[in-house]
Amino acid sequence: MDDGPFTHIVRVDIDPEHEEAFNAWYLDRHFPDLLACPGWLSARRFVSLGDGPKYAAMYEVAGKWAFETPEFQKVRGFGPFEPHVRNFTRIQLRPIG
């Protein structure tokens, strides 16, 4: 399999008392930090309409190499909200065709 572009989806729940601050941090700090890293091409957030973790973030990533850059290593994770994140899941998808 080549190391071309793919979609990276992260889903999480956040402790309710930190939800408002987490959502503000995600949009105002985390997205800009990630999108400043080499290979991180786009980012969007979603809220679940059904079961599973409440929040999802979908990223377009240029290749798996983008996870190895020093820039990404500095901003990866959930920062000050790490202790309050639950039910973390991730999936990586490559387009067919």
PDB file of N, CA and C in Angstrom:
ATOM      1  N   MET A   1       0.853  -1.183   0.000  1.00  0.00           N
ATOM      2  CA  MET A   1       0.000   0.000   0.000  1.00  0.00           C
ATOM      3  C   MET A   1       0.892   1.238   0.000  1.00  0.00           C
ATOM      4  N   ASP A   2       0.569   2.214  -0.820  1.00  0.00           N
ATOM      5  CA  ASP A   2       1.375   3.435  -0.886  1.00  0.00           C
ATOM      6  C   ASP A   2       1.106   4.316   0.329  1.00  0.00           C
ATOM      7  N   ASP A   3       1.897   5.345   0.453  1.00  0.00           N
ATOM      8  CA  ASP A   3       1.756   6.252   1.590  1.00  0.00           C
ATOM      9  C   ASP A   3       1.126   7.566   1.144  1.00  0.00           C
ATOM     10  N   GLY A   4       0.095   7.476   0.329  1.00  0.00           N
ATOM     11  CA  GLY A   4      -0.575   8.675  -0.164  1.00  0.00           C
ATOM     12  C   GLY A   4      -1.619   9.194   0.799  1.00  0.00           C
ATOM     13  N   PRO A   5      -2.393  10.164   0.361  1.00  0.00           N
ATOM     14  CA  PRO A   5      -3.392  10.804   1.226  1.00  0.00           C
ATOM     15  C   PRO A   5      -4.454   9.834   1.747  1.00  0.00           C
ATOM     16  N   PHE A   6      -4.958  10.140   2.927  1.00  0.00           N
ATOM     17  CA  PHE A   6      -6.027   9.344   3.522  1.00  0.00           C
ATOM     18  C   PHE A   6      -6.809  10.215   4.491  1.00  0.00           C
ATOM     19  N   THR A   7      -7.947   9.692   4.944  1.00  0.00           N
ATOM     20  CA  THR A   7      -8.783  10.365   5.933  1.00  0.00           C
ATOM     21  C   THR A   7      -8.508   9.743   7.297  1.00  0.00           C
ATOM     22  N   HIS A   8      -8.327  10.596   8.278  1.00  0.00           N
ATOM     23  CA  HIS A   8      -8.058  10.176   9.655  1.00  0.00           C
ATOM     24  C   HIS A   8      -9.215  10.706  10.508  1.00  0.00           C
ATOM     25  N   ILE A   9      -9.943   9.792  11.166  1.00  0.00           N
ATOM     26  CA  ILE A   9     -11.106  10.181  11.968  1.00  0.00           C
ATOM     27  C   ILE A   9     -10.850   9.807  13.426  1.00  0.00           C
ATOM     28  N   VAL A  10     -11.060  10.765  14.306  1.00  0.00           N
ATOM     29  CA  VAL A  10     -10.908  10.578  15.741  1.00  0.00           C
ATOM     30  C   VAL A  10     -12.258  10.835  16.387  1.00  0.00           C
ATOM     31  N   ARG A  11     -12.659   9.953  17.312  1.00  0.00           N
ATOM     32  CA  ARG A  11     -13.910  10.147  18.050  1.00  0.00           C
ATOM     33  C   ARG A  11     -13.614  10.094  19.541  1.00  0.00           C
ATOM     34  N   VAL A  12     -14.272  10.985  20.308  1.00  0.00           N
ATOM     35  CA  VAL A  12     -14.061  11.047  21.752  1.00  0.00           C
ATOM     36  C   VAL A  12     -15.316  11.532  22.462  1.00  0.00           C
ATOM     37  N   ASP A  13     -15.367  11.208  23.729  1.00  0.00           N
ATOM     38  CA  ASP A  13     -16.272  11.855  24.665  1.00  0.00           C
ATOM     39  C   ASP A  13     -15.400  12.702  25.583  1.00  0.00           C
ATOM     40  N   ILE A  14     -15.992  13.749  26.131  1.00  0.00           N
ATOM     41  CA  ILE A  14     -15.279  14.624  27.076  1.00  0.00           C
ATOM     42  C   ILE A  14     -16.152  14.762  28.317  1.00  0.00           C
ATOM     43  N   ASP A  15     -15.528  14.783  29.472  1.00  0.00           N
ATOM     44  CA  ASP A  15     -16.290  14.970  30.699  1.00  0.00           C
ATOM     45  C   ASP A  15     -17.150  16.235  30.570  1.00  0.00           C
ATOM     46  N   PRO A  16     -18.433  16.151  30.894  1.00  0.00           N
ATOM     47  CA  PRO A  16     -19.360  17.265  30.662  1.00  0.00           C
ATOM     48  C   PRO A  16     -18.917  18.607  31.243  1.00  0.00           C
ATOM     49  N   GLU A  17     -18.274  18.589  32.396  1.00  0.00           N
ATOM     50  CA  GLU A  17     -17.873  19.872  32.991  1.00  0.00           C
ATOM     51  C   GLU A  17     -16.748  20.565  32.216  1.00  0.00           C
ATOM     52  N   HIS A  18     -16.110  19.860  31.287  1.00  0.00           N
ATOM     53  CA  HIS A  18     -15.022  20.434  30.477  1.00  0.00           C
ATOM     54  C   HIS A  18     -15.419  20.621  29.015  1.00  0.00           C
ATOM     55  N   GLU A  19     -16.651  20.277  28.683  1.00  0.00           N
ATOM     56  CA  GLU A  19     -17.095  20.244  27.290  1.00  0.00           C
ATOM     57  C   GLU A  19     -16.983  21.604  26.583  1.00  0.00           C
ATOM     58  N   GLU A  20     -17.455  22.667  27.202  1.00  0.00           N
ATOM     59  CA  GLU A  20     -17.425  23.980  26.559  1.00  0.00           C
ATOM     60  C   GLU A  20     -15.984  24.440  26.305  1.00  0.00           C
ATOM     61  N   ALA A  21     -15.130  24.307  27.293  1.00  0.00           N
ATOM     62  CA  ALA A  21     -13.729  24.707  27.136  1.00  0.00           C
ATOM     63  C   ALA A  21     -13.011  23.812  26.116  1.00  0.00           C
ATOM     64  N   PHE A  22     -13.307  22.518  26.120  1.00  0.00           N
ATOM     65  CA  PHE A  22     -12.704  21.579  25.167  1.00  0.00           C
ATOM     66  C   PHE A  22     -13.070  21.956  23.739  1.00  0.00           C
ATOM     67  N   ASN A  23     -14.340  22.249  23.497  1.00  0.00           N
ATOM     68  CA  ASN A  23     -14.776  22.611  22.149  1.00  0.00           C
ATOM     69  C   ASN A  23     -14.111  23.900  21.674  1.00  0.00           C
ATOM     70  N   ALA A  24     -13.983  24.878  22.552  1.00  0.00           N
ATOM     71  CA  ALA A  24     -13.300  26.128  22.195  1.00  0.00           C
ATOM     72  C   ALA A  24     -11.826  25.865  21.899  1.00  0.00           C
ATOM     73  N   TRP A  25     -11.155  25.078  22.748  1.00  0.00           N
ATOM     74  CA  TRP A  25      -9.737  24.733  22.544  1.00  0.00           C
ATOM     75  C   TRP A  25      -9.548  24.005  21.227  1.00  0.00           C
ATOM     76  N   TYR A  26     -10.435  23.079  20.924  1.00  0.00           N
ATOM     77  CA  TYR A  26     -10.294  22.270  19.709  1.00  0.00           C
ATOM     78  C   TYR A  26     -10.294  23.156  18.465  1.00  0.00           C
ATOM     79  N   LEU A  27     -11.260  24.066  18.400  1.00  0.00           N
ATOM     80  CA  LEU A  27     -11.379  24.920  17.211  1.00  0.00           C
ATOM     81  C   LEU A  27     -10.361  26.051  17.183  1.00  0.00           C
ATOM     82  N   ASP A  28     -10.088  26.657  18.330  1.00  0.00           N
ATOM     83  CA  ASP A  28      -9.231  27.846  18.377  1.00  0.00           C
ATOM     84  C   ASP A  28      -7.747  27.526  18.483  1.00  0.00           C
ATOM     85  N   ARG A  29      -7.407  26.375  19.035  1.00  0.00           N
ATOM     86  CA  ARG A  29      -5.995  26.055  19.267  1.00  0.00           C
ATOM     87  C   ARG A  29      -5.554  24.792  18.541  1.00  0.00           C
ATOM     88  N   HIS A  30      -6.293  23.688  18.761  1.00  0.00           N
ATOM     89  CA  HIS A  30      -5.840  22.402  18.246  1.00  0.00           C
ATOM     90  C   HIS A  30      -5.857  22.355  16.718  1.00  0.00           C
ATOM     91  N   PHE A  31      -6.960  22.744  16.102  1.00  0.00           N
ATOM     92  CA  PHE A  31      -7.008  22.741  14.635  1.00  0.00           C
ATOM     93  C   PHE A  31      -5.920  23.614  14.023  1.00  0.00           C
ATOM     94  N   PRO A  32      -5.759  24.865  14.444  1.00  0.00           N
ATOM     95  CA  PRO A  32      -4.681  25.668  13.851  1.00  0.00           C
ATOM     96  C   PRO A  32      -3.298  25.049  14.056  1.00  0.00           C
ATOM     97  N   ASP A  33      -3.057  24.491  15.249  1.00  0.00           N
ATOM     98  CA  ASP A  33      -1.763  23.850  15.504  1.00  0.00           C
ATOM     99  C   ASP A  33      -1.537  22.669  14.562  1.00  0.00           C
ATOM    100  N   LEU A  34      -2.556  21.814  14.404  1.00  0.00           N
ATOM    101  CA  LEU A  34      -2.415  20.655  13.507  1.00  0.00           C
ATOM    102  C   LEU A  34      -2.244  21.080  12.054  1.00  0.00           C
ATOM    103  N   LEU A  35      -3.042  22.036  11.617  1.00  0.00           N
ATOM    104  CA  LEU A  35      -2.987  22.444  10.216  1.00  0.00           C
ATOM    105  C   LEU A  35      -1.699  23.187   9.883  1.00  0.00           C
ATOM    106  N   ALA A  36      -0.947  23.607  10.887  1.00  0.00           N
ATOM    107  CA  ALA A  36       0.366  24.208  10.669  1.00  0.00           C
ATOM    108  C   ALA A  36       1.449  23.139  10.503  1.00  0.00           C
ATOM    109  N   CYS A  37       1.118  21.879  10.794  1.00  0.00           N
ATOM    110  CA  CYS A  37       2.076  20.782  10.666  1.00  0.00           C
ATOM    111  C   CYS A  37       2.149  20.309   9.221  1.00  0.00           C
ATOM    112  N   PRO A  38       3.342  19.932   8.756  1.00  0.00           N
ATOM    113  CA  PRO A  38       3.465  19.388   7.403  1.00  0.00           C
ATOM    114  C   PRO A  38       2.562  18.159   7.221  1.00  0.00           C
ATOM    115  N   GLY A  39       1.837  18.126   6.111  1.00  0.00           N
ATOM    116  CA  GLY A  39       1.034  16.959   5.764  1.00  0.00           C
ATOM    117  C   GLY A  39      -0.382  16.948   6.296  1.00  0.00           C
ATOM    118  N   TRP A  40      -0.741  17.889   7.158  1.00  0.00           N
ATOM    119  CA  TRP A  40      -2.111  17.967   7.673  1.00  0.00           C
ATOM    120  C   TRP A  40      -2.861  18.963   6.808  1.00  0.00           C
ATOM    121  N   LEU A  41      -3.766  18.456   5.960  1.00  0.00           N
ATOM    122  CA  LEU A  41      -4.328  19.233   4.863  1.00  0.00           C
ATOM    123  C   LEU A  41      -5.667  19.895   5.172  1.00  0.00           C
ATOM    124  N   SER A  42      -6.507  19.246   5.977  1.00  0.00           N
ATOM    125  CA  SER A  42      -7.800  19.831   6.323  1.00  0.00           C
ATOM    126  C   SER A  42      -8.304  19.208   7.615  1.00  0.00           C
ATOM    127  N   ALA A  43      -9.260  19.901   8.253  1.00  0.00           N
ATOM    128  CA  ALA A  43      -9.810  19.434   9.522  1.00  0.00           C
ATOM    129  C   ALA A  43     -11.242  19.937   9.659  1.00  0.00           C
ATOM    130  N   ARG A  44     -12.112  19.050  10.141  1.00  0.00           N
ATOM    131  CA  ARG A  44     -13.515  19.400  10.435  1.00  0.00           C
ATOM    132  C   ARG A  44     -13.943  18.654  11.684  1.00  0.00           C
ATOM    133  N   ARG A  45     -14.915  19.227  12.403  1.00  0.00           N
ATOM    134  CA  ARG A  45     -15.466  18.559  13.586  1.00  0.00           C
ATOM    135  C   ARG A  45     -16.931  18.269  13.384  1.00  0.00           C
ATOM    136  N   PHE A  46     -17.395  17.243  14.103  1.00  0.00           N
ATOM    137  CA  PHE A  46     -18.776  16.789  14.012  1.00  0.00           C
ATOM    138  C   PHE A  46     -19.263  16.376  15.395  1.00  0.00           C
ATOM    139  N   VAL A  47     -20.584  16.382  15.559  1.00  0.00           N
ATOM    140  CA  VAL A  47     -21.209  15.839  16.756  1.00  0.00           C
ATOM    141  C   VAL A  47     -22.076  14.666  16.305  1.00  0.00           C
ATOM    142  N   SER A  48     -22.043  13.594  17.069  1.00  0.00           N
ATOM    143  CA  SER A  48     -22.750  12.359  16.710  1.00  0.00           C
ATOM    144  C   SER A  48     -24.258  12.528  16.857  1.00  0.00           C
ATOM    145  N   LEU A  49     -24.980  11.965  15.929  1.00  0.00           N
ATOM    146  CA  LEU A  49     -26.438  11.928  16.002  1.00  0.00           C
ATOM    147  C   LEU A  49     -26.937  10.613  16.593  1.00  0.00           C
ATOM    148  N   GLY A  50     -26.013   9.696  16.870  1.00  0.00           N
ATOM    149  CA  GLY A  50     -26.406   8.381  17.366  1.00  0.00           C
ATOM    150  C   GLY A  50     -25.472   7.892  18.454  1.00  0.00           C
ATOM    151  N   ASP A  51     -25.231   6.591  18.429  1.00  0.00           N
ATOM    152  CA  ASP A  51     -24.406   5.946  19.450  1.00  0.00           C
ATOM    153  C   ASP A  51     -22.925   6.247  19.234  1.00  0.00           C
ATOM    154  N   GLY A  52     -22.150   5.879  20.239  1.00  0.00           N
ATOM    155  CA  GLY A  52     -20.710   6.040  20.150  1.00  0.00           C
ATOM    156  C   GLY A  52     -20.269   7.361  20.749  1.00  0.00           C
ATOM    157  N   PRO A  53     -18.976   7.635  20.699  1.00  0.00           N
ATOM    158  CA  PRO A  53     -18.473   8.900  21.232  1.00  0.00           C
ATOM    159  C   PRO A  53     -19.195  10.094  20.616  1.00  0.00           C
ATOM    160  N   LYS A  54     -19.392  11.133  21.416  1.00  0.00           N
ATOM    161  CA  LYS A  54     -20.180  12.294  21.008  1.00  0.00           C
ATOM    162  C   LYS A  54     -19.510  13.123  19.915  1.00  0.00           C
ATOM    163  N   TYR A  55     -18.199  13.312  19.996  1.00  0.00           N
ATOM    164  CA  TYR A  55     -17.502  14.200  19.066  1.00  0.00           C
ATOM    165  C   TYR A  55     -16.611  13.422  18.108  1.00  0.00           C
ATOM    166  N   ALA A  56     -16.532  13.932  16.891  1.00  0.00           N
ATOM    167  CA  ALA A  56     -15.640  13.361  15.885  1.00  0.00           C
ATOM    168  C   ALA A  56     -14.888  14.493  15.205  1.00  0.00           C
ATOM    169  N   ALA A  57     -13.651  14.216  14.845  1.00  0.00           N
ATOM    170  CA  ALA A  57     -12.857  15.138  14.035  1.00  0.00           C
ATOM    171  C   ALA A  57     -12.366  14.348  12.832  1.00  0.00           C
ATOM    172  N   MET A  58     -12.461  14.968  11.663  1.00  0.00           N
ATOM    173  CA  MET A  58     -12.052  14.298  10.433  1.00  0.00           C
ATOM    174  C   MET A  58     -10.953  15.137   9.786  1.00  0.00           C
ATOM    175  N   TYR A  59      -9.851  14.483   9.490  1.00  0.00           N
ATOM    176  CA  TYR A  59      -8.687  15.148   8.927  1.00  0.00           C
ATOM    177  C   TYR A  59      -8.319  14.520   7.591  1.00  0.00           C
ATOM    178  N   GLU A  60      -7.846  15.338   6.667  1.00  0.00           N
ATOM    179  CA  GLU A  60      -7.203  14.830   5.463  1.00  0.00           C
ATOM    180  C   GLU A  60      -5.707  14.949   5.712  1.00  0.00           C
ATOM    181  N   VAL A  61      -5.011  13.815   5.588  1.00  0.00           N
ATOM    182  CA  VAL A  61      -3.580  13.744   5.889  1.00  0.00           C
ATOM    183  C   VAL A  61      -2.851  13.276   4.639  1.00  0.00           C
ATOM    184  N   ALA A  62      -1.726  13.909   4.324  1.00  0.00           N
ATOM    185  CA  ALA A  62      -0.991  13.637   3.083  1.00  0.00           C
ATOM    186  C   ALA A  62      -0.360  12.250   3.057  1.00  0.00           C
ATOM    187  N   GLY A  63      -0.039  11.691   4.204  1.00  0.00           N
ATOM    188  CA  GLY A  63       0.572  10.367   4.288  1.00  0.00           C
ATOM    189  C   GLY A  63       0.906  10.054   5.735  1.00  0.00           C
ATOM    190  N   LYS A  64       1.201   8.796   6.013  1.00  0.00           N
ATOM    191  CA  LYS A  64       1.507   8.388   7.395  1.00  0.00           C
ATOM    192  C   LYS A  64       2.731   9.116   7.936  1.00  0.00           C
ATOM    193  N   TRP A  65       3.602   9.566   7.049  1.00  0.00           N
ATOM    194  CA  TRP A  65       4.792  10.319   7.462  1.00  0.00           C
ATOM    195  C   TRP A  65       4.428  11.573   8.265  1.00  0.00           C
ATOM    196  N   ALA A  66       3.216  12.126   8.062  1.00  0.00           N
ATOM    197  CA  ALA A  66       2.806  13.352   8.753  1.00  0.00           C
ATOM    198  C   ALA A  66       2.733  13.154  10.267  1.00  0.00           C
ATOM    199  N   PHE A  67       2.581  11.907  10.726  1.00  0.00           N
ATOM    200  CA  PHE A  67       2.529  11.606  12.153  1.00  0.00           C
ATOM    201  C   PHE A  67       3.918  11.587  12.781  1.00  0.00           C
ATOM    202  N   GLU A  68       4.957  11.584  11.954  1.00  0.00           N
ATOM    203  CA  GLU A  68       6.330  11.458  12.451  1.00  0.00           C
ATOM    204  C   GLU A  68       7.079  12.782  12.518  1.00  0.00           C
ATOM    205  N   THR A  69       6.471  13.865  12.054  1.00  0.00           N
ATOM    206  CA  THR A  69       7.194  15.134  12.018  1.00  0.00           C
ATOM    207  C   THR A  69       7.359  15.705  13.427  1.00  0.00           C
ATOM    208  N   PRO A  70       8.433  16.459  13.662  1.00  0.00           N
ATOM    209  CA  PRO A  70       8.607  17.093  14.973  1.00  0.00           C
ATOM    210  C   PRO A  70       7.467  18.060  15.296  1.00  0.00           C
ATOM    211  N   GLU A  71       6.940  18.725  14.281  1.00  0.00           N
ATOM    212  CA  GLU A  71       5.837  19.664  14.496  1.00  0.00           C
ATOM    213  C   GLU A  71       4.608  18.938  15.045  1.00  0.00           C
ATOM    214  N   PHE A  72       4.273  17.779  14.452  1.00  0.00           N
ATOM    215  CA  PHE A  72       3.117  17.023  14.933  1.00  0.00           C
ATOM    216  C   PHE A  72       3.362  16.483  16.335  1.00  0.00           C
ATOM    217  N   GLN A  73       4.560  16.004  16.596  1.00  0.00           N
ATOM    218  CA  GLN A  73       4.865  15.441  17.913  1.00  0.00           C
ATOM    219  C   GLN A  73       4.651  16.473  19.023  1.00  0.00           C
ATOM    220  N   LYS A  74       4.827  17.750  18.722  1.00  0.00           N
ATOM    221  CA  LYS A  74       4.643  18.810  19.715  1.00  0.00           C
ATOM    222  C   LYS A  74       3.172  19.096  20.013  1.00  0.00           C
ATOM    223  N   VAL A  75       2.264  18.833  19.057  1.00  0.00           N
ATOM    224  CA  VAL A  75       0.858  19.232  19.231  1.00  0.00           C
ATOM    225  C   VAL A  75      -0.114  18.053  19.287  1.00  0.00           C
ATOM    226  N   ARG A  76       0.389  16.839  19.201  1.00  0.00           N
ATOM    227  CA  ARG A  76      -0.492  15.669  19.205  1.00  0.00           C
ATOM    228  C   ARG A  76      -1.195  15.513  20.546  1.00  0.00           C
ATOM    229  N   GLY A  77      -2.326  14.846  20.511  1.00  0.00           N
ATOM    230  CA  GLY A  77      -3.060  14.580  21.743  1.00  0.00           C
ATOM    231  C   GLY A  77      -4.087  15.663  22.056  1.00  0.00           C
ATOM    232  N   PHE A  78      -4.575  15.627  23.272  1.00  0.00           N
ATOM    233  CA  PHE A  78      -5.664  16.505  23.687  1.00  0.00           C
ATOM    234  C   PHE A  78      -5.216  17.573  24.681  1.00  0.00           C
ATOM    235  N   GLY A  79      -3.929  17.849  24.722  1.00  0.00           N
ATOM    236  CA  GLY A  79      -3.402  18.940  25.534  1.00  0.00           C
ATOM    237  C   GLY A  79      -3.906  18.898  26.955  1.00  0.00           C
ATOM    238  N   PRO A  80      -4.399  20.033  27.463  1.00  0.00           N
ATOM    239  CA  PRO A  80      -4.826  20.103  28.861  1.00  0.00           C
ATOM    240  C   PRO A  80      -6.067  19.259  29.162  1.00  0.00           C
ATOM    241  N   PHE A  81      -6.720  18.752  28.117  1.00  0.00           N
ATOM    242  CA  PHE A  81      -7.950  17.969  28.313  1.00  0.00           C
ATOM    243  C   PHE A  81      -7.695  16.458  28.324  1.00  0.00           C
ATOM    244  N   GLU A  82      -6.445  16.054  28.163  1.00  0.00           N
ATOM    245  CA  GLU A  82      -6.091  14.630  28.119  1.00  0.00           C
ATOM    246  C   GLU A  82      -6.731  13.825  29.246  1.00  0.00           C
ATOM    247  N   PRO A  83      -6.706  14.304  30.506  1.00  0.00           N
ATOM    248  CA  PRO A  83      -7.294  13.511  31.591  1.00  0.00           C
ATOM    249  C   PRO A  83      -8.821  13.412  31.529  1.00  0.00           C
ATOM    250  N   HIS A  84      -9.465  14.245  30.711  1.00  0.00           N
ATOM    251  CA  HIS A  84     -10.923  14.320  30.699  1.00  0.00           C
ATOM    252  C   HIS A  84     -11.548  13.693  29.455  1.00  0.00           C
ATOM    253  N   VAL A  85     -10.707  13.164  28.559  1.00  0.00           N
ATOM    254  CA  VAL A  85     -11.195  12.527  27.329  1.00  0.00           C
ATOM    255  C   VAL A  85     -11.444  11.049  27.606  1.00  0.00           C
ATOM    256  N   ARG A  86     -12.573  10.560  27.108  1.00  0.00           N
ATOM    257  CA  ARG A  86     -12.928   9.145  27.270  1.00  0.00           C
ATOM    258  C   ARG A  86     -13.341   8.564  25.923  1.00  0.00           C
ATOM    259  N   ASN A  87     -13.372   7.260  25.833  1.00  0.00           N
ATOM    260  CA  ASN A  87     -13.890   6.536  24.660  1.00  0.00           C
ATOM    261  C   ASN A  87     -13.200   6.954  23.351  1.00  0.00           C
ATOM    262  N   PHE A  88     -11.901   7.149  23.415  1.00  0.00           N
ATOM    263  CA  PHE A  88     -11.122   7.541  22.237  1.00  0.00           C
ATOM    264  C   PHE A  88     -11.088   6.404  21.220  1.00  0.00           C
ATOM    265  N   THR A  89     -11.452   6.709  19.993  1.00  0.00           N
ATOM    266  CA  THR A  89     -11.296   5.755  18.887  1.00  0.00           C
ATOM    267  C   THR A  89     -10.722   6.507  17.695  1.00  0.00           C
ATOM    268  N   ARG A  90     -10.061   5.770  16.820  1.00  0.00           N
ATOM    269  CA  ARG A  90      -9.579   6.382  15.586  1.00  0.00           C
ATOM    270  C   ARG A  90      -9.651   5.357  14.470  1.00  0.00           C
ATOM    271  N   ILE A  91      -9.823   5.875  13.266  1.00  0.00           N
ATOM    272  CA  ILE A  91      -9.840   5.028  12.090  1.00  0.00           C
ATOM    273  C   ILE A  91      -9.191   5.824  10.952  1.00  0.00           C
ATOM    274  N   GLN A  92      -8.475   5.116  10.110  1.00  0.00           N
ATOM    275  CA  GLN A  92      -7.863   5.737   8.942  1.00  0.00           C
ATOM    276  C   GLN A  92      -8.417   5.067   7.704  1.00  0.00           C
ATOM    277  N   LEU A  93      -8.841   5.887   6.746  1.00  0.00           N
ATOM    278  CA  LEU A  93      -9.518   5.395   5.555  1.00  0.00           C
ATOM    279  C   LEU A  93      -8.848   5.930   4.305  1.00  0.00           C
ATOM    280  N   ARG A  94      -8.660   5.062   3.327  1.00  0.00           N
ATOM    281  CA  ARG A  94      -8.121   5.473   2.032  1.00  0.00           C
ATOM    282  C   ARG A  94      -9.229   5.327   0.991  1.00  0.00           C
ATOM    283  N   PRO A  95      -9.368   6.312   0.101  1.00  0.00           N
ATOM    284  CA  PRO A  95     -10.407   6.199  -0.936  1.00  0.00           C
ATOM    285  C   PRO A  95     -10.180   4.994  -1.837  1.00  0.00           C
ATOM    286  N   ILE A  96     -11.254   4.451  -2.350  1.00  0.00           N
ATOM    287  CA  ILE A  96     -11.197   3.360  -3.335  1.00  0.00           C
ATOM    288  C   ILE A  96     -11.409   3.960  -4.695  1.00  0.00           C
ATOM    289  N   GLY A  97     -10.563   3.585  -5.623  1.00  0.00           N
ATOM    290  CA  GLY A  97     -10.757   4.005  -7.020  1.00  0.00           C
ATOM    291  C   GLY A  97     -10.179   5.331  -7.400  1.00  0.00           C
TER     292      GLY A  97
END
